[in-house]
């Protein structure tokens, strides 16, 4: 099973769902652009009543595979080859219910959001990136880093650049030209 890059996305919003997010996610899934590895949506009404929705595009076997893969990588970091083996076993067990995200995650969300709101935690696999990643490997390339760049990140870069320019612009002011001295 080939796995594309997986993005962890956490979104909070008011409790008024319009269906736009679900429709767009479904469109992207039908085009095999993304795959929903796992999703937990927690909704808390005005009285604090909780509704939890859990969804995944993975079969139980695929969830076990993804869990084993993630567990092996975590285990490798913790305890080398032996840790990788144990992590793979634990990860496969965790995925045996068909989900990668543990149901306990829902209760962390419930505690974190106020009444009348909702939150979603999604693991989204970017299927479109698989051929690009394979081409990079075939071409002898080695990814050195990757990151998502959001519009707010660009604004923050602009603000930081503006702050760096202000002290330079407000530097020493000379009242006389070099010729007058």
C-alpha atoms as a PDB file:
ATOM      1  CA  UNK A   1       0.000   0.000   0.000  1.00  0.00           C
ATOM      2  CA  UNK A   2       1.504   3.306  -1.095  1.00  0.00           C
ATOM      3  CA  UNK A   3       0.787   6.185   1.261  1.00  0.00           C
ATOM      4  CA  UNK A   4       1.024   9.805   0.175  1.00  0.00           C
ATOM      5  CA  UNK A   5       1.962  12.675   2.465  1.00  0.00           C
ATOM      6  CA  UNK A   6      -0.494  12.943   5.345  1.00  0.00           C
ATOM      7  CA  UNK A   7      -1.639  16.292   6.696  1.00  0.00           C
ATOM      8  CA  UNK A   8      -3.059  16.757  10.180  1.00  0.00           C
ATOM      9  CA  UNK A   9      -5.770  19.396   9.961  1.00  0.00           C
ATOM     10  CA  UNK A  10      -7.632  20.744  12.988  1.00  0.00           C
ATOM     11  CA  UNK A  11     -10.518  23.082  12.306  1.00  0.00           C
ATOM     12  CA  UNK A  12     -12.863  24.836  14.694  1.00  0.00           C
ATOM     13  CA  UNK A  13     -16.110  26.548  13.732  1.00  0.00           C
ATOM     14  CA  UNK A  14     -19.521  27.654  14.932  1.00  0.00           C
ATOM     15  CA  UNK A  15     -22.097  24.917  15.229  1.00  0.00           C
ATOM     16  CA  UNK A  16     -23.853  25.850  11.987  1.00  0.00           C
ATOM     17  CA  UNK A  17     -22.809  23.375   9.309  1.00  0.00           C
ATOM     18  CA  UNK A  18     -23.723  24.356   5.775  1.00  0.00           C
ATOM     19  CA  UNK A  19     -22.385  21.230   4.075  1.00  0.00           C
ATOM     20  CA  UNK A  20     -19.772  23.077   2.004  1.00  0.00           C
ATOM     21  CA  UNK A  21     -16.809  21.404   3.663  1.00  0.00           C
ATOM     22  CA  UNK A  22     -18.300  17.944   3.295  1.00  0.00           C
ATOM     23  CA  UNK A  23     -19.150  18.575  -0.387  1.00  0.00           C
ATOM     24  CA  UNK A  24     -15.665  19.820  -1.240  1.00  0.00           C
ATOM     25  CA  UNK A  25     -13.983  16.977   0.622  1.00  0.00           C
ATOM     26  CA  UNK A  26     -16.190  14.491  -1.219  1.00  0.00           C
ATOM     27  CA  UNK A  27     -15.312  16.081  -4.586  1.00  0.00           C
ATOM     28  CA  UNK A  28     -11.581  15.835  -3.837  1.00  0.00           C
ATOM     29  CA  UNK A  29     -11.977  12.233  -2.702  1.00  0.00           C
ATOM     30  CA  UNK A  30     -13.876  11.258  -5.871  1.00  0.00           C
ATOM     31  CA  UNK A  31     -11.051  12.731  -7.981  1.00  0.00           C
ATOM     32  CA  UNK A  32      -8.496  10.739  -5.902  1.00  0.00           C
ATOM     33  CA  UNK A  33      -6.741  13.975  -5.003  1.00  0.00           C
ATOM     34  CA  UNK A  34      -7.061  13.257  -1.288  1.00  0.00           C
ATOM     35  CA  UNK A  35      -8.071  10.331   0.850  1.00  0.00           C
ATOM     36  CA  UNK A  36      -9.561  10.699   4.287  1.00  0.00           C
ATOM     37  CA  UNK A  37      -7.308   8.604   6.508  1.00  0.00           C
ATOM     38  CA  UNK A  38      -9.416   9.461   9.526  1.00  0.00           C
ATOM     39  CA  UNK A  39     -11.762  12.167  10.753  1.00  0.00           C
ATOM     40  CA  UNK A  40     -13.333  12.977  14.092  1.00  0.00           C
ATOM     41  CA  UNK A  41     -15.944  15.731  14.218  1.00  0.00           C
ATOM     42  CA  UNK A  42     -17.170  16.837  17.614  1.00  0.00           C
ATOM     43  CA  UNK A  43     -20.213  19.053  17.934  1.00  0.00           C
ATOM     44  CA  UNK A  44     -21.363  20.572  21.227  1.00  0.00           C
ATOM     45  CA  UNK A  45     -24.808  22.158  21.229  1.00  0.00           C
ATOM     46  CA  UNK A  46     -25.770  25.188  23.341  1.00  0.00           C
ATOM     47  CA  UNK A  47     -26.683  22.915  26.266  1.00  0.00           C
ATOM     48  CA  UNK A  48     -23.396  20.996  26.145  1.00  0.00           C
ATOM     49  CA  UNK A  49     -24.826  17.858  24.529  1.00  0.00           C
ATOM     50  CA  UNK A  50     -22.128  16.161  22.463  1.00  0.00           C
ATOM     51  CA  UNK A  51     -22.324  14.474  19.068  1.00  0.00           C
ATOM     52  CA  UNK A  52     -19.273  12.676  17.671  1.00  0.00           C
ATOM     53  CA  UNK A  53     -18.858  11.571  14.058  1.00  0.00           C
ATOM     54  CA  UNK A  54     -15.964   9.323  13.074  1.00  0.00           C
ATOM     55  CA  UNK A  55     -15.240   8.703   9.378  1.00  0.00           C
ATOM     56  CA  UNK A  56     -12.480   7.111   7.305  1.00  0.00           C
ATOM     57  CA  UNK A  57     -11.899   6.046   3.705  1.00  0.00           C
ATOM     58  CA  UNK A  58      -9.673   3.202   4.869  1.00  0.00           C
ATOM     59  CA  UNK A  59     -10.699  -0.410   5.216  1.00  0.00           C
ATOM     60  CA  UNK A  60      -9.831  -2.121   8.493  1.00  0.00           C
ATOM     61  CA  UNK A  61      -6.850  -3.774   6.776  1.00  0.00           C
ATOM     62  CA  UNK A  62      -5.617  -0.415   5.451  1.00  0.00           C
ATOM     63  CA  UNK A  63      -6.079   1.236   8.863  1.00  0.00           C
ATOM     64  CA  UNK A  64      -4.010  -1.552  10.426  1.00  0.00           C
ATOM     65  CA  UNK A  65      -1.333  -1.017   7.774  1.00  0.00           C
ATOM     66  CA  UNK A  66      -1.232   2.756   8.311  1.00  0.00           C
ATOM     67  CA  UNK A  67      -1.203   2.246  12.090  1.00  0.00           C
ATOM     68  CA  UNK A  68       1.641  -0.272  11.801  1.00  0.00           C
ATOM     69  CA  UNK A  69       3.638   2.067   9.548  1.00  0.00           C
ATOM     70  CA  UNK A  70       3.213   5.063  11.872  1.00  0.00           C
ATOM     71  CA  UNK A  71       3.864   2.918  14.941  1.00  0.00           C
ATOM     72  CA  UNK A  72       7.044   1.478  13.414  1.00  0.00           C
ATOM     73  CA  UNK A  73       8.421   4.937  12.670  1.00  0.00           C
ATOM     74  CA  UNK A  74       7.659   6.168  16.177  1.00  0.00           C
ATOM     75  CA  UNK A  75       9.095   2.969  17.662  1.00  0.00           C
ATOM     76  CA  UNK A  76      12.235   3.296  15.527  1.00  0.00           C
ATOM     77  CA  UNK A  77      12.868   6.705  17.053  1.00  0.00           C
ATOM     78  CA  UNK A  78      12.278   5.427  20.552  1.00  0.00           C
ATOM     79  CA  UNK A  79      14.086   2.105  20.496  1.00  0.00           C
ATOM     80  CA  UNK A  80      15.739   1.323  17.176  1.00  0.00           C
ATOM     81  CA  UNK A  81      14.839  -1.882  15.318  1.00  0.00           C
ATOM     82  CA  UNK A  82      13.297  -3.509  18.379  1.00  0.00           C
ATOM     83  CA  UNK A  83      11.219  -0.398  19.030  1.00  0.00           C
ATOM     84  CA  UNK A  84      10.116  -0.328  15.387  1.00  0.00           C
ATOM     85  CA  UNK A  85       8.876  -3.908  15.595  1.00  0.00           C
ATOM     86  CA  UNK A  86       6.957  -3.268  18.817  1.00  0.00           C
ATOM     87  CA  UNK A  87       5.592   0.027  17.451  1.00  0.00           C
ATOM     88  CA  UNK A  88       4.350  -1.695  14.298  1.00  0.00           C
ATOM     89  CA  UNK A  89       2.524  -4.295  16.371  1.00  0.00           C
ATOM     90  CA  UNK A  90       0.901  -1.680  18.602  1.00  0.00           C
ATOM     91  CA  UNK A  91       0.029   0.510  15.620  1.00  0.00           C
ATOM     92  CA  UNK A  92      -1.674  -2.367  13.827  1.00  0.00           C
ATOM     93  CA  UNK A  93      -3.697  -3.129  16.948  1.00  0.00           C
ATOM     94  CA  UNK A  94      -4.692   0.541  17.218  1.00  0.00           C
ATOM     95  CA  UNK A  95      -5.925   0.489  13.603  1.00  0.00           C
ATOM     96  CA  UNK A  96      -7.890  -2.725  14.032  1.00  0.00           C
ATOM     97  CA  UNK A  97     -11.114  -0.778  14.580  1.00  0.00           C
ATOM     98  CA  UNK A  98     -10.737   0.815  11.133  1.00  0.00           C
ATOM     99  CA  UNK A  99      -9.535   4.163  12.492  1.00  0.00           C
ATOM    100  CA  UNK A 100      -6.136   5.694  13.028  1.00  0.00           C
ATOM    101  CA  UNK A 101      -7.299   8.406  15.425  1.00  0.00           C
ATOM    102  CA  UNK A 102      -8.193   7.042  18.841  1.00  0.00           C
ATOM    103  CA  UNK A 103     -11.694   7.668  20.182  1.00  0.00           C
ATOM    104  CA  UNK A 104     -10.060   9.295  23.209  1.00  0.00           C
ATOM    105  CA  UNK A 105      -9.133  12.183  20.885  1.00  0.00           C
ATOM    106  CA  UNK A 106     -12.829  13.105  20.708  1.00  0.00           C
ATOM    107  CA  UNK A 107     -12.973  13.654  24.457  1.00  0.00           C
ATOM    108  CA  UNK A 108      -9.941  15.934  24.378  1.00  0.00           C
ATOM    109  CA  UNK A 109     -11.786  18.009  21.801  1.00  0.00           C
ATOM    110  CA  UNK A 110     -15.004  18.033  23.847  1.00  0.00           C
ATOM    111  CA  UNK A 111     -13.104  19.455  26.800  1.00  0.00           C
ATOM    112  CA  UNK A 112     -11.433  22.116  24.645  1.00  0.00           C
ATOM    113  CA  UNK A 113     -14.410  23.608  22.803  1.00  0.00           C
ATOM    114  CA  UNK A 114     -17.189  25.791  24.242  1.00  0.00           C
ATOM    115  CA  UNK A 115     -20.894  25.021  23.951  1.00  0.00           C
ATOM    116  CA  UNK A 116     -22.404  25.935  20.596  1.00  0.00           C
ATOM    117  CA  UNK A 117     -19.258  25.130  18.599  1.00  0.00           C
ATOM    118  CA  UNK A 118     -17.681  22.236  16.780  1.00  0.00           C
ATOM    119  CA  UNK A 119     -14.200  21.024  15.884  1.00  0.00           C
ATOM    120  CA  UNK A 120     -12.777  18.497  13.480  1.00  0.00           C
ATOM    121  CA  UNK A 121      -9.503  16.618  13.509  1.00  0.00           C
ATOM    122  CA  UNK A 122      -8.644  15.108  10.139  1.00  0.00           C
ATOM    123  CA  UNK A 123      -5.780  13.095   8.751  1.00  0.00           C
ATOM    124  CA  UNK A 124      -5.824  13.771   5.017  1.00  0.00           C
ATOM    125  CA  UNK A 125      -3.613  11.827   2.635  1.00  0.00           C
ATOM    126  CA  UNK A 126      -2.531  13.843  -0.396  1.00  0.00           C
ATOM    127  CA  UNK A 127      -2.784  11.249  -3.170  1.00  0.00           C
ATOM    128  CA  UNK A 128      -1.748  13.738  -5.880  1.00  0.00           C
ATOM    129  CA  UNK A 129       1.732  13.937  -4.343  1.00  0.00           C
ATOM    130  CA  UNK A 130       2.558  10.235  -4.700  1.00  0.00           C
ATOM    131  CA  UNK A 131       3.714  10.407  -8.367  1.00  0.00           C
ATOM    132  CA  UNK A 132       5.720  13.572  -7.642  1.00  0.00           C
ATOM    133  CA  UNK A 133       7.444  11.951  -4.680  1.00  0.00           C
ATOM    134  CA  UNK A 134       8.238   8.850  -6.756  1.00  0.00           C
ATOM    135  CA  UNK A 135       9.660  11.007  -9.576  1.00  0.00           C
ATOM    136  CA  UNK A 136      11.891  12.798  -7.076  1.00  0.00           C
ATOM    137  CA  UNK A 137      13.220   9.450  -5.813  1.00  0.00           C
ATOM    138  CA  UNK A 138      13.743   8.107  -9.353  1.00  0.00           C
ATOM    139  CA  UNK A 139      15.586  11.312 -10.229  1.00  0.00           C
ATOM    140  CA  UNK A 140      17.966  10.848  -7.300  1.00  0.00           C
ATOM    141  CA  UNK A 141      16.429  13.674  -5.286  1.00  0.00           C
ATOM    142  CA  UNK A 142      16.184  13.621  -1.537  1.00  0.00           C
ATOM    143  CA  UNK A 143      13.591  15.805   0.189  1.00  0.00           C
ATOM    144  CA  UNK A 144      15.404  17.974   2.705  1.00  0.00           C
ATOM    145  CA  UNK A 145      12.376  19.692   4.215  1.00  0.00           C
ATOM    146  CA  UNK A 146       8.730  20.354   3.550  1.00  0.00           C
ATOM    147  CA  UNK A 147       6.107  22.534   5.148  1.00  0.00           C
ATOM    148  CA  UNK A 148       2.703  23.991   4.417  1.00  0.00           C
ATOM    149  CA  UNK A 149       2.768  27.727   3.847  1.00  0.00           C
ATOM    150  CA  UNK A 150      -0.454  29.464   4.827  1.00  0.00           C
ATOM    151  CA  UNK A 151      -1.492  33.024   3.931  1.00  0.00           C
ATOM    152  CA  UNK A 152      -1.070  34.081   7.574  1.00  0.00           C
ATOM    153  CA  UNK A 153       2.556  32.851   7.398  1.00  0.00           C
ATOM    154  CA  UNK A 154       3.209  35.225   4.498  1.00  0.00           C
ATOM    155  CA  UNK A 155       1.606  38.098   6.408  1.00  0.00           C
ATOM    156  CA  UNK A 156       3.836  37.275   9.402  1.00  0.00           C
ATOM    157  CA  UNK A 157       6.910  37.331   7.140  1.00  0.00           C
ATOM    158  CA  UNK A 158       5.848  40.740   5.822  1.00  0.00           C
ATOM    159  CA  UNK A 159       5.325  42.086   9.345  1.00  0.00           C
ATOM    160  CA  UNK A 160       8.728  40.792  10.465  1.00  0.00           C
ATOM    161  CA  UNK A 161      10.397  42.354   7.412  1.00  0.00           C
ATOM    162  CA  UNK A 162       8.680  45.677   8.115  1.00  0.00           C
ATOM    163  CA  UNK A 163       9.901  45.622  11.720  1.00  0.00           C
ATOM    164  CA  UNK A 164      13.469  44.994  10.542  1.00  0.00           C
ATOM    165  CA  UNK A 165      13.308  47.931   8.124  1.00  0.00           C
ATOM    166  CA  UNK A 166      11.925  50.421  10.653  1.00  0.00           C
ATOM    167  CA  UNK A 167      15.076  50.616  12.829  1.00  0.00           C
ATOM    168  CA  UNK A 168      17.237  51.048   9.719  1.00  0.00           C
ATOM    169  CA  UNK A 169      14.982  53.814   8.407  1.00  0.00           C
ATOM    170  CA  UNK A 170      15.046  55.511  11.809  1.00  0.00           C
ATOM    171  CA  UNK A 171      18.835  55.265  12.008  1.00  0.00           C
ATOM    172  CA  UNK A 172      21.108  58.234  12.720  1.00  0.00           C
ATOM    173  CA  UNK A 173      20.061  61.437  11.006  1.00  0.00           C
ATOM    174  CA  UNK A 174      22.788  63.885  10.049  1.00  0.00           C
ATOM    175  CA  UNK A 175      21.934  67.557   9.898  1.00  0.00           C
ATOM    176  CA  UNK A 176      24.979  68.486   7.805  1.00  0.00           C
ATOM    177  CA  UNK A 177      26.143  67.137   4.515  1.00  0.00           C
ATOM    178  CA  UNK A 178      29.698  65.893   4.123  1.00  0.00           C
ATOM    179  CA  UNK A 179      30.606  69.098   2.234  1.00  0.00           C
ATOM    180  CA  UNK A 180      29.550  71.314   5.177  1.00  0.00           C
ATOM    181  CA  UNK A 181      31.803  69.562   7.668  1.00  0.00           C
END
